[in-house]
């Protein structure tokens, strides 16, 4: 009680640097996200922060914007600040740097993406199953001309590659032929003109899968601008359960990711590494199950 009284009277603040020197930990981790604009990213960050806060860890958030140079700078900055570990949505462009971290036994976890040259624990959605859930729901409701809209196909962005693969496999499973003309791929600000070409086809699609939340926004803007009725003219399903899905008109059928569970798992894995609870264990990819949320757009 005397110590508590002295702290109150003197306005004492602990010296974080001195404490970290004694404990050999800064009680801080870094999170490098590929694109903070994605709903998935912000929800995962919230889960990581919640988990860490309960354990007196601080979190530094960095937005790499899918830019390997920015990612590299952030890794170096976080290491200079002596953070105890990093959770990264890797761009795939800093393989040598990540290898050095692993060789130095630096605590590291990947989120949402894999890098084939690097063996590290990773947390991902079962992306192929997510696409299959969407295609199967379209087929179940009688749709056959199924299109897909995706950002640019980049081998380093695991979810895109896996969802496209799952889309093709699911079409084949349902005895439907994959038509490249029904795939729209492009940077976000160029998707609208490409949708024009899709709907100029003699046989227009009757269903459309938006591969992530940002693509879904473009699809919804396009259908509204062009008077395309959902689901009468076009059935729509989006991967990522966006916040407005339930009250948009019509309410949107989506494939939800268990974002909070995924974020919590990544934080748990990293803190276990920091406190050396998982020494000499083989690296593992943790896959989480997507969930179909049926509403009115399909």
C-alpha atoms as a PDB file:
ATOM      1  CA  UNK A   1       0.000   0.000   0.000  1.00  0.00           C
ATOM      2  CA  UNK A   2       2.898   2.360   0.723  1.00  0.00           C
ATOM      3  CA  UNK A   3       4.366   1.652  -2.713  1.00  0.00           C
ATOM      4  CA  UNK A   4       0.991   2.267  -4.378  1.00  0.00           C
ATOM      5  CA  UNK A   5       0.659   5.544  -2.466  1.00  0.00           C
ATOM      6  CA  UNK A   6       4.162   6.646  -3.528  1.00  0.00           C
ATOM      7  CA  UNK A   7       3.386   5.822  -7.174  1.00  0.00           C
ATOM      8  CA  UNK A   8       0.231   7.940  -6.961  1.00  0.00           C
ATOM      9  CA  UNK A   9       1.980  10.884  -5.242  1.00  0.00           C
ATOM     10  CA  UNK A  10       4.982  10.919  -7.555  1.00  0.00           C
ATOM     11  CA  UNK A  11       3.015  10.246 -10.759  1.00  0.00           C
ATOM     12  CA  UNK A  12       5.442   7.409 -11.527  1.00  0.00           C
ATOM     13  CA  UNK A  13       5.368   5.881 -15.019  1.00  0.00           C
ATOM     14  CA  UNK A  14       7.212   2.591 -15.671  1.00  0.00           C
ATOM     15  CA  UNK A  15      10.167   2.807 -18.042  1.00  0.00           C
ATOM     16  CA  UNK A  16       9.143   0.478 -20.860  1.00  0.00           C
ATOM     17  CA  UNK A  17      12.660   0.373 -22.327  1.00  0.00           C
ATOM     18  CA  UNK A  18      14.236  -0.530 -18.984  1.00  0.00           C
ATOM     19  CA  UNK A  19      11.582  -3.175 -18.396  1.00  0.00           C
ATOM     20  CA  UNK A  20      12.149  -4.696 -21.833  1.00  0.00           C
ATOM     21  CA  UNK A  21      15.912  -4.867 -21.182  1.00  0.00           C
ATOM     22  CA  UNK A  22      15.317  -6.782 -17.970  1.00  0.00           C
ATOM     23  CA  UNK A  23      12.644  -9.084 -19.395  1.00  0.00           C
ATOM     24  CA  UNK A  24      14.366  -9.371 -22.788  1.00  0.00           C
ATOM     25  CA  UNK A  25      10.964  -8.718 -24.382  1.00  0.00           C
ATOM     26  CA  UNK A  26       9.254  -5.526 -25.538  1.00  0.00           C
ATOM     27  CA  UNK A  27       5.772  -7.096 -25.157  1.00  0.00           C
ATOM     28  CA  UNK A  28       5.042  -5.734 -28.641  1.00  0.00           C
ATOM     29  CA  UNK A  29       4.345  -7.486 -31.949  1.00  0.00           C
ATOM     30  CA  UNK A  30       4.045  -6.183 -35.500  1.00  0.00           C
ATOM     31  CA  UNK A  31       1.282  -6.975 -37.991  1.00  0.00           C
ATOM     32  CA  UNK A  32       2.015  -6.261 -41.666  1.00  0.00           C
ATOM     33  CA  UNK A  33      -1.206  -6.391 -43.695  1.00  0.00           C
ATOM     34  CA  UNK A  34      -1.257  -6.568 -47.491  1.00  0.00           C
ATOM     35  CA  UNK A  35      -4.214  -4.184 -47.857  1.00  0.00           C
ATOM     36  CA  UNK A  36      -5.962  -2.659 -44.853  1.00  0.00           C
ATOM     37  CA  UNK A  37      -8.998  -1.712 -46.986  1.00  0.00           C
ATOM     38  CA  UNK A  38     -10.227  -5.321 -46.992  1.00  0.00           C
ATOM     39  CA  UNK A  39     -12.913  -6.157 -44.435  1.00  0.00           C
ATOM     40  CA  UNK A  40     -11.030  -9.380 -43.771  1.00  0.00           C
ATOM     41  CA  UNK A  41      -7.862  -7.475 -42.815  1.00  0.00           C
ATOM     42  CA  UNK A  42      -9.546  -5.115 -40.363  1.00  0.00           C
ATOM     43  CA  UNK A  43     -11.470  -7.921 -38.650  1.00  0.00           C
ATOM     44  CA  UNK A  44      -8.347 -10.082 -38.337  1.00  0.00           C
ATOM     45  CA  UNK A  45      -6.420  -7.111 -36.900  1.00  0.00           C
ATOM     46  CA  UNK A  46      -9.177  -6.563 -34.330  1.00  0.00           C
ATOM     47  CA  UNK A  47      -8.987 -10.221 -33.248  1.00  0.00           C
ATOM     48  CA  UNK A  48      -5.184 -10.099 -32.981  1.00  0.00           C
ATOM     49  CA  UNK A  49      -5.335  -6.888 -30.951  1.00  0.00           C
ATOM     50  CA  UNK A  50      -7.992  -8.314 -28.602  1.00  0.00           C
ATOM     51  CA  UNK A  51      -5.978 -11.472 -27.980  1.00  0.00           C
ATOM     52  CA  UNK A  52      -2.754  -9.548 -27.391  1.00  0.00           C
ATOM     53  CA  UNK A  53      -4.374  -6.903 -25.190  1.00  0.00           C
ATOM     54  CA  UNK A  54      -5.625  -9.610 -22.819  1.00  0.00           C
ATOM     55  CA  UNK A  55      -1.999 -10.731 -22.455  1.00  0.00           C
ATOM     56  CA  UNK A  56      -0.510  -7.232 -22.030  1.00  0.00           C
ATOM     57  CA  UNK A  57       0.995  -7.181 -25.526  1.00  0.00           C
ATOM     58  CA  UNK A  58       0.931  -4.126 -27.769  1.00  0.00           C
ATOM     59  CA  UNK A  59       0.395  -4.270 -31.535  1.00  0.00           C
ATOM     60  CA  UNK A  60       1.934  -2.105 -34.278  1.00  0.00           C
ATOM     61  CA  UNK A  61      -0.086  -2.218 -37.519  1.00  0.00           C
ATOM     62  CA  UNK A  62       1.626  -1.646 -40.882  1.00  0.00           C
ATOM     63  CA  UNK A  63      -0.146  -1.460 -44.264  1.00  0.00           C
ATOM     64  CA  UNK A  64       2.135  -2.722 -47.059  1.00  0.00           C
ATOM     65  CA  UNK A  65      -0.410  -2.084 -49.879  1.00  0.00           C
ATOM     66  CA  UNK A  66       0.876  -5.246 -51.586  1.00  0.00           C
ATOM     67  CA  UNK A  67       4.151  -3.402 -52.191  1.00  0.00           C
ATOM     68  CA  UNK A  68       7.255  -5.545 -51.480  1.00  0.00           C
ATOM     69  CA  UNK A  69       9.405  -2.438 -50.901  1.00  0.00           C
ATOM     70  CA  UNK A  70       7.010  -1.109 -48.271  1.00  0.00           C
ATOM     71  CA  UNK A  71       6.851  -4.563 -46.729  1.00  0.00           C
ATOM     72  CA  UNK A  72      10.658  -4.699 -46.544  1.00  0.00           C
ATOM     73  CA  UNK A  73      10.831  -1.267 -44.912  1.00  0.00           C
ATOM     74  CA  UNK A  74       8.227  -2.263 -42.350  1.00  0.00           C
ATOM     75  CA  UNK A  75      10.034  -5.488 -41.476  1.00  0.00           C
ATOM     76  CA  UNK A  76      13.263  -3.548 -40.933  1.00  0.00           C
ATOM     77  CA  UNK A  77      11.470  -0.889 -38.887  1.00  0.00           C
ATOM     78  CA  UNK A  78       9.774  -3.460 -36.663  1.00  0.00           C
ATOM     79  CA  UNK A  79      13.052  -5.290 -36.124  1.00  0.00           C
ATOM     80  CA  UNK A  80      14.749  -1.985 -35.249  1.00  0.00           C
ATOM     81  CA  UNK A  81      12.027  -1.399 -32.661  1.00  0.00           C
ATOM     82  CA  UNK A  82      12.805  -4.890 -31.331  1.00  0.00           C
ATOM     83  CA  UNK A  83       9.241  -6.167 -31.537  1.00  0.00           C
ATOM     84  CA  UNK A  84       9.025  -9.718 -30.237  1.00  0.00           C
ATOM     85  CA  UNK A  85       7.477 -11.194 -33.393  1.00  0.00           C
ATOM     86  CA  UNK A  86       5.615 -10.473 -36.630  1.00  0.00           C
ATOM     87  CA  UNK A  87       2.348 -11.631 -38.196  1.00  0.00           C
ATOM     88  CA  UNK A  88       2.546 -10.942 -41.935  1.00  0.00           C
ATOM     89  CA  UNK A  89       0.224 -11.093 -44.935  1.00  0.00           C
ATOM     90  CA  UNK A  90       3.269 -11.630 -47.200  1.00  0.00           C
ATOM     91  CA  UNK A  91       3.607 -10.010 -50.613  1.00  0.00           C
ATOM     92  CA  UNK A  92       5.893 -12.813 -51.795  1.00  0.00           C
ATOM     93  CA  UNK A  93       8.616 -10.330 -52.691  1.00  0.00           C
ATOM     94  CA  UNK A  94      10.959 -10.538 -49.682  1.00  0.00           C
ATOM     95  CA  UNK A  95      11.856 -14.202 -49.575  1.00  0.00           C
ATOM     96  CA  UNK A  96      15.513 -13.726 -48.556  1.00  0.00           C
ATOM     97  CA  UNK A  97      14.539 -11.367 -45.740  1.00  0.00           C
ATOM     98  CA  UNK A  98      11.975 -13.793 -44.348  1.00  0.00           C
ATOM     99  CA  UNK A  99      14.469 -16.648 -44.645  1.00  0.00           C
ATOM    100  CA  UNK A 100      16.935 -14.686 -42.515  1.00  0.00           C
ATOM    101  CA  UNK A 101      14.262 -14.177 -39.861  1.00  0.00           C
ATOM    102  CA  UNK A 102      13.525 -17.906 -39.798  1.00  0.00           C
ATOM    103  CA  UNK A 103      17.230 -18.830 -39.706  1.00  0.00           C
ATOM    104  CA  UNK A 104      17.565 -16.534 -36.691  1.00  0.00           C
ATOM    105  CA  UNK A 105      14.595 -18.274 -34.988  1.00  0.00           C
ATOM    106  CA  UNK A 106      12.652 -15.027 -35.050  1.00  0.00           C
ATOM    107  CA  UNK A 107       8.940 -15.580 -34.204  1.00  0.00           C
ATOM    108  CA  UNK A 108       6.955 -15.301 -37.442  1.00  0.00           C
ATOM    109  CA  UNK A 109       3.472 -16.330 -38.603  1.00  0.00           C
ATOM    110  CA  UNK A 110       1.898 -15.856 -42.032  1.00  0.00           C
ATOM    111  CA  UNK A 111      -1.752 -14.906 -42.403  1.00  0.00           C
ATOM    112  CA  UNK A 112      -3.987 -15.454 -45.459  1.00  0.00           C
ATOM    113  CA  UNK A 113      -1.098 -16.296 -47.804  1.00  0.00           C
ATOM    114  CA  UNK A 114       1.602 -18.881 -48.396  1.00  0.00           C
ATOM    115  CA  UNK A 115       5.075 -18.422 -49.858  1.00  0.00           C
ATOM    116  CA  UNK A 116       6.267 -21.710 -51.335  1.00  0.00           C
ATOM    117  CA  UNK A 117       9.947 -21.057 -50.614  1.00  0.00           C
ATOM    118  CA  UNK A 118       9.350 -20.337 -46.920  1.00  0.00           C
ATOM    119  CA  UNK A 119       8.361 -22.872 -44.283  1.00  0.00           C
ATOM    120  CA  UNK A 120       6.455 -21.061 -41.549  1.00  0.00           C
ATOM    121  CA  UNK A 121       3.205 -21.552 -39.636  1.00  0.00           C
ATOM    122  CA  UNK A 122       0.317 -19.992 -41.583  1.00  0.00           C
ATOM    123  CA  UNK A 123      -3.397 -19.370 -41.061  1.00  0.00           C
ATOM    124  CA  UNK A 124      -5.686 -19.464 -44.110  1.00  0.00           C
ATOM    125  CA  UNK A 125      -9.235 -20.025 -45.216  1.00  0.00           C
ATOM    126  CA  UNK A 126     -10.067 -23.189 -47.153  1.00  0.00           C
ATOM    127  CA  UNK A 127     -10.323 -21.038 -50.279  1.00  0.00           C
ATOM    128  CA  UNK A 128     -11.167 -23.802 -52.743  1.00  0.00           C
ATOM    129  CA  UNK A 129     -14.081 -24.868 -50.562  1.00  0.00           C
ATOM    130  CA  UNK A 130     -15.286 -21.238 -50.383  1.00  0.00           C
ATOM    131  CA  UNK A 131     -15.555 -21.071 -54.175  1.00  0.00           C
ATOM    132  CA  UNK A 132     -17.153 -24.516 -54.312  1.00  0.00           C
ATOM    133  CA  UNK A 133     -19.834 -23.478 -51.795  1.00  0.00           C
ATOM    134  CA  UNK A 134     -20.769 -20.553 -54.043  1.00  0.00           C
ATOM    135  CA  UNK A 135     -20.849 -22.512 -57.310  1.00  0.00           C
ATOM    136  CA  UNK A 136     -22.798 -25.365 -55.683  1.00  0.00           C
ATOM    137  CA  UNK A 137     -25.391 -22.887 -54.369  1.00  0.00           C
ATOM    138  CA  UNK A 138     -25.788 -21.372 -57.847  1.00  0.00           C
ATOM    139  CA  UNK A 139     -26.222 -24.831 -59.398  1.00  0.00           C
ATOM    140  CA  UNK A 140     -28.663 -25.899 -56.683  1.00  0.00           C
ATOM    141  CA  UNK A 141     -30.855 -22.912 -57.589  1.00  0.00           C
ATOM    142  CA  UNK A 142     -30.770 -23.680 -61.318  1.00  0.00           C
ATOM    143  CA  UNK A 143     -28.094 -21.287 -62.599  1.00  0.00           C
ATOM    144  CA  UNK A 144     -25.744 -22.567 -65.290  1.00  0.00           C
ATOM    145  CA  UNK A 145     -23.968 -19.568 -66.848  1.00  0.00           C
ATOM    146  CA  UNK A 146     -21.761 -18.691 -63.892  1.00  0.00           C
ATOM    147  CA  UNK A 147     -19.251 -15.849 -64.117  1.00  0.00           C
ATOM    148  CA  UNK A 148     -16.481 -14.858 -61.723  1.00  0.00           C
ATOM    149  CA  UNK A 149     -14.954 -11.440 -60.987  1.00  0.00           C
ATOM    150  CA  UNK A 150     -11.488 -11.211 -59.464  1.00  0.00           C
ATOM    151  CA  UNK A 151      -8.652  -8.727 -58.977  1.00  0.00           C
ATOM    152  CA  UNK A 152      -5.544  -9.408 -61.136  1.00  0.00           C
ATOM    153  CA  UNK A 153      -4.359 -12.998 -60.915  1.00  0.00           C
ATOM    154  CA  UNK A 154      -1.137 -12.849 -58.909  1.00  0.00           C
ATOM    155  CA  UNK A 155       0.675 -16.065 -57.985  1.00  0.00           C
ATOM    156  CA  UNK A 156       1.728 -14.468 -54.690  1.00  0.00           C
ATOM    157  CA  UNK A 157      -1.850 -13.849 -53.566  1.00  0.00           C
ATOM    158  CA  UNK A 158      -2.833 -17.306 -52.371  1.00  0.00           C
ATOM    159  CA  UNK A 159      -6.587 -16.709 -51.868  1.00  0.00           C
ATOM    160  CA  UNK A 160      -7.082 -15.556 -55.470  1.00  0.00           C
ATOM    161  CA  UNK A 161      -5.225 -18.522 -56.944  1.00  0.00           C
ATOM    162  CA  UNK A 162      -7.018 -21.024 -54.720  1.00  0.00           C
ATOM    163  CA  UNK A 163     -10.481 -19.513 -55.212  1.00  0.00           C
ATOM    164  CA  UNK A 164     -10.081 -19.501 -58.995  1.00  0.00           C
ATOM    165  CA  UNK A 165      -8.906 -23.116 -58.820  1.00  0.00           C
ATOM    166  CA  UNK A 166     -11.868 -24.018 -56.600  1.00  0.00           C
ATOM    167  CA  UNK A 167     -14.240 -22.258 -59.003  1.00  0.00           C
ATOM    168  CA  UNK A 168     -12.987 -24.298 -61.971  1.00  0.00           C
ATOM    169  CA  UNK A 169     -13.025 -27.583 -60.038  1.00  0.00           C
ATOM    170  CA  UNK A 170     -16.561 -26.964 -58.829  1.00  0.00           C
ATOM    171  CA  UNK A 171     -17.815 -26.227 -62.347  1.00  0.00           C
ATOM    172  CA  UNK A 172     -16.300 -29.508 -63.505  1.00  0.00           C
ATOM    173  CA  UNK A 173     -17.861 -31.351 -60.552  1.00  0.00           C
ATOM    174  CA  UNK A 174     -21.266 -30.071 -61.648  1.00  0.00           C
ATOM    175  CA  UNK A 175     -20.630 -30.946 -65.317  1.00  0.00           C
ATOM    176  CA  UNK A 176     -20.365 -27.309 -66.369  1.00  0.00           C
ATOM    177  CA  UNK A 177     -17.719 -26.099 -68.794  1.00  0.00           C
ATOM    178  CA  UNK A 178     -15.362 -23.318 -67.731  1.00  0.00           C
ATOM    179  CA  UNK A 179     -15.660 -20.375 -70.138  1.00  0.00           C
ATOM    180  CA  UNK A 180     -12.758 -17.850 -69.974  1.00  0.00           C
ATOM    181  CA  UNK A 181     -15.156 -15.163 -71.299  1.00  0.00           C
ATOM    182  CA  UNK A 182     -17.040 -15.485 -68.012  1.00  0.00           C
ATOM    183  CA  UNK A 183     -13.975 -14.531 -65.970  1.00  0.00           C
ATOM    184  CA  UNK A 184     -13.439 -10.817 -65.349  1.00  0.00           C
ATOM    185  CA  UNK A 185     -10.021  -9.954 -63.934  1.00  0.00           C
ATOM    186  CA  UNK A 186      -8.547  -6.510 -63.369  1.00  0.00           C
ATOM    187  CA  UNK A 187      -7.460  -3.831 -60.932  1.00  0.00           C
ATOM    188  CA  UNK A 188     -10.341  -2.393 -58.940  1.00  0.00           C
ATOM    189  CA  UNK A 189     -10.644   0.904 -60.851  1.00  0.00           C
ATOM    190  CA  UNK A 190     -10.709  -0.942 -64.217  1.00  0.00           C
ATOM    191  CA  UNK A 191     -13.336  -3.565 -63.408  1.00  0.00           C
ATOM    192  CA  UNK A 192     -16.383  -1.547 -64.562  1.00  0.00           C
ATOM    193  CA  UNK A 193     -15.351  -1.422 -68.269  1.00  0.00           C
ATOM    194  CA  UNK A 194     -14.562  -5.139 -68.132  1.00  0.00           C
ATOM    195  CA  UNK A 195     -18.026  -5.830 -66.758  1.00  0.00           C
ATOM    196  CA  UNK A 196     -19.384  -3.959 -69.794  1.00  0.00           C
ATOM    197  CA  UNK A 197     -17.702  -6.539 -72.044  1.00  0.00           C
ATOM    198  CA  UNK A 198     -19.071  -9.393 -69.935  1.00  0.00           C
ATOM    199  CA  UNK A 199     -22.642  -8.173 -70.311  1.00  0.00           C
ATOM    200  CA  UNK A 200     -22.219  -7.474 -74.020  1.00  0.00           C
ATOM    201  CA  UNK A 201     -21.787 -11.216 -74.654  1.00  0.00           C
ATOM    202  CA  UNK A 202     -24.506 -12.835 -76.711  1.00  0.00           C
ATOM    203  CA  UNK A 203     -25.118 -15.271 -73.855  1.00  0.00           C
ATOM    204  CA  UNK A 204     -24.885 -13.205 -70.720  1.00  0.00           C
ATOM    205  CA  UNK A 205     -24.146 -14.851 -67.359  1.00  0.00           C
ATOM    206  CA  UNK A 206     -27.094 -15.531 -65.078  1.00  0.00           C
ATOM    207  CA  UNK A 207     -24.957 -15.791 -61.926  1.00  0.00           C
ATOM    208  CA  UNK A 208     -21.787 -14.114 -60.706  1.00  0.00           C
ATOM    209  CA  UNK A 209     -19.256 -14.873 -57.968  1.00  0.00           C
ATOM    210  CA  UNK A 210     -17.376 -11.860 -56.560  1.00  0.00           C
ATOM    211  CA  UNK A 211     -14.103 -13.259 -55.274  1.00  0.00           C
ATOM    212  CA  UNK A 212     -13.655 -10.732 -52.450  1.00  0.00           C
ATOM    213  CA  UNK A 213     -15.296  -7.722 -50.793  1.00  0.00           C
ATOM    214  CA  UNK A 214     -13.724  -4.972 -52.914  1.00  0.00           C
ATOM    215  CA  UNK A 215     -14.736  -6.718 -56.147  1.00  0.00           C
ATOM    216  CA  UNK A 216     -18.252  -7.131 -54.750  1.00  0.00           C
ATOM    217  CA  UNK A 217     -18.514  -3.338 -54.269  1.00  0.00           C
ATOM    218  CA  UNK A 218     -17.731  -2.846 -57.970  1.00  0.00           C
ATOM    219  CA  UNK A 219     -20.276  -5.455 -59.029  1.00  0.00           C
ATOM    220  CA  UNK A 220     -23.010  -3.840 -56.919  1.00  0.00           C
ATOM    221  CA  UNK A 221     -22.194  -0.367 -58.264  1.00  0.00           C
ATOM    222  CA  UNK A 222     -22.301  -1.731 -61.817  1.00  0.00           C
ATOM    223  CA  UNK A 223     -25.646  -3.523 -61.439  1.00  0.00           C
ATOM    224  CA  UNK A 224     -27.229  -0.441 -59.872  1.00  0.00           C
ATOM    225  CA  UNK A 225     -25.877   1.888 -62.586  1.00  0.00           C
ATOM    226  CA  UNK A 226     -27.051  -0.388 -65.390  1.00  0.00           C
ATOM    227  CA  UNK A 227     -30.434  -1.372 -63.993  1.00  0.00           C
ATOM    228  CA  UNK A 228     -29.538  -5.055 -63.593  1.00  0.00           C
ATOM    229  CA  UNK A 229     -31.958  -6.606 -61.122  1.00  0.00           C
ATOM    230  CA  UNK A 230     -30.511  -8.928 -58.455  1.00  0.00           C
ATOM    231  CA  UNK A 231     -31.437 -11.789 -58.428  1.00  0.00           C
ATOM    232  CA  UNK A 232     -34.048 -11.612 -61.243  1.00  0.00           C
ATOM    233  CA  UNK A 233     -31.487 -10.756 -63.954  1.00  0.00           C
ATOM    234  CA  UNK A 234     -28.329 -11.861 -62.157  1.00  0.00           C
ATOM    235  CA  UNK A 235     -27.706 -13.939 -59.045  1.00  0.00           C
ATOM    236  CA  UNK A 236     -24.765 -12.714 -56.952  1.00  0.00           C
ATOM    237  CA  UNK A 237     -22.648 -14.313 -54.232  1.00  0.00           C
ATOM    238  CA  UNK A 238     -19.626 -12.641 -52.635  1.00  0.00           C
ATOM    239  CA  UNK A 239     -16.779 -14.169 -50.682  1.00  0.00           C
ATOM    240  CA  UNK A 240     -16.391 -12.126 -47.440  1.00  0.00           C
ATOM    241  CA  UNK A 241     -19.445 -11.372 -45.341  1.00  0.00           C
ATOM    242  CA  UNK A 242     -19.456  -7.579 -45.682  1.00  0.00           C
ATOM    243  CA  UNK A 243     -21.085  -5.585 -42.874  1.00  0.00           C
ATOM    244  CA  UNK A 244     -23.978  -4.343 -45.035  1.00  0.00           C
ATOM    245  CA  UNK A 245     -24.827  -7.767 -46.527  1.00  0.00           C
ATOM    246  CA  UNK A 246     -27.883  -8.368 -44.346  1.00  0.00           C
ATOM    247  CA  UNK A 247     -29.545  -4.970 -44.926  1.00  0.00           C
ATOM    248  CA  UNK A 248     -28.551  -4.296 -48.563  1.00  0.00           C
ATOM    249  CA  UNK A 249     -31.522  -4.734 -50.909  1.00  0.00           C
ATOM    250  CA  UNK A 250     -31.696  -7.496 -51.799  1.00  0.00           C
ATOM    251  CA  UNK A 251     -29.823  -8.985 -48.832  1.00  0.00           C
ATOM    252  CA  UNK A 252     -26.595 -10.524 -50.115  1.00  0.00           C
ATOM    253  CA  UNK A 253     -25.760 -14.203 -50.050  1.00  0.00           C
ATOM    254  CA  UNK A 254     -22.137 -14.458 -48.961  1.00  0.00           C
ATOM    255  CA  UNK A 255     -19.385 -16.878 -48.060  1.00  0.00           C
ATOM    256  CA  UNK A 256     -18.123 -15.834 -44.633  1.00  0.00           C
ATOM    257  CA  UNK A 257     -14.626 -16.299 -43.312  1.00  0.00           C
ATOM    258  CA  UNK A 258     -14.244 -16.951 -39.550  1.00  0.00           C
ATOM    259  CA  UNK A 259     -12.042 -13.867 -39.315  1.00  0.00           C
ATOM    260  CA  UNK A 260     -11.969 -13.516 -35.545  1.00  0.00           C
ATOM    261  CA  UNK A 261     -11.069 -17.167 -35.021  1.00  0.00           C
ATOM    262  CA  UNK A 262      -8.349 -16.867 -37.673  1.00  0.00           C
ATOM    263  CA  UNK A 263      -6.882 -13.725 -36.117  1.00  0.00           C
ATOM    264  CA  UNK A 264      -6.939 -15.271 -32.658  1.00  0.00           C
ATOM    265  CA  UNK A 265      -5.178 -18.399 -33.939  1.00  0.00           C
ATOM    266  CA  UNK A 266      -2.423 -16.339 -35.600  1.00  0.00           C
ATOM    267  CA  UNK A 267      -1.842 -14.355 -32.397  1.00  0.00           C
ATOM    268  CA  UNK A 268      -1.850 -17.528 -30.311  1.00  0.00           C
ATOM    269  CA  UNK A 269       0.715 -19.171 -32.598  1.00  0.00           C
ATOM    270  CA  UNK A 270       2.977 -16.125 -32.489  1.00  0.00           C
ATOM    271  CA  UNK A 271       2.875 -15.690 -28.709  1.00  0.00           C
ATOM    272  CA  UNK A 272       3.585 -19.394 -28.260  1.00  0.00           C
ATOM    273  CA  UNK A 273       6.672 -18.933 -30.410  1.00  0.00           C
ATOM    274  CA  UNK A 274       7.716 -15.829 -28.449  1.00  0.00           C
ATOM    275  CA  UNK A 275       7.485 -17.736 -25.170  1.00  0.00           C
ATOM    276  CA  UNK A 276       9.098 -20.772 -26.790  1.00  0.00           C
ATOM    277  CA  UNK A 277       6.172 -23.095 -26.190  1.00  0.00           C
ATOM    278  CA  UNK A 278       6.465 -24.647 -29.665  1.00  0.00           C
ATOM    279  CA  UNK A 279      10.177 -25.305 -30.105  1.00  0.00           C
ATOM    280  CA  UNK A 280      11.212 -27.950 -32.656  1.00  0.00           C
ATOM    281  CA  UNK A 281       7.650 -28.515 -33.865  1.00  0.00           C
ATOM    282  CA  UNK A 282       7.051 -28.902 -37.599  1.00  0.00           C
ATOM    283  CA  UNK A 283       5.526 -25.908 -39.347  1.00  0.00           C
ATOM    284  CA  UNK A 284       1.862 -26.234 -40.152  1.00  0.00           C
ATOM    285  CA  UNK A 285      -0.813 -24.564 -42.289  1.00  0.00           C
ATOM    286  CA  UNK A 286      -4.039 -24.065 -40.338  1.00  0.00           C
ATOM    287  CA  UNK A 287      -7.099 -24.053 -42.612  1.00  0.00           C
ATOM    288  CA  UNK A 288     -10.422 -22.620 -41.477  1.00  0.00           C
ATOM    289  CA  UNK A 289     -13.859 -23.551 -42.797  1.00  0.00           C
ATOM    290  CA  UNK A 290     -15.870 -21.039 -44.878  1.00  0.00           C
ATOM    291  CA  UNK A 291     -19.596 -20.719 -44.219  1.00  0.00           C
ATOM    292  CA  UNK A 292     -22.381 -20.117 -46.732  1.00  0.00           C
ATOM    293  CA  UNK A 293     -24.838 -17.466 -45.504  1.00  0.00           C
ATOM    294  CA  UNK A 294     -27.956 -17.683 -47.655  1.00  0.00           C
ATOM    295  CA  UNK A 295     -29.911 -14.461 -48.129  1.00  0.00           C
ATOM    296  CA  UNK A 296     -31.803 -13.060 -51.145  1.00  0.00           C
ATOM    297  CA  UNK A 297     -29.284 -12.302 -53.908  1.00  0.00           C
ATOM    298  CA  UNK A 298     -29.200 -15.859 -55.221  1.00  0.00           C
END
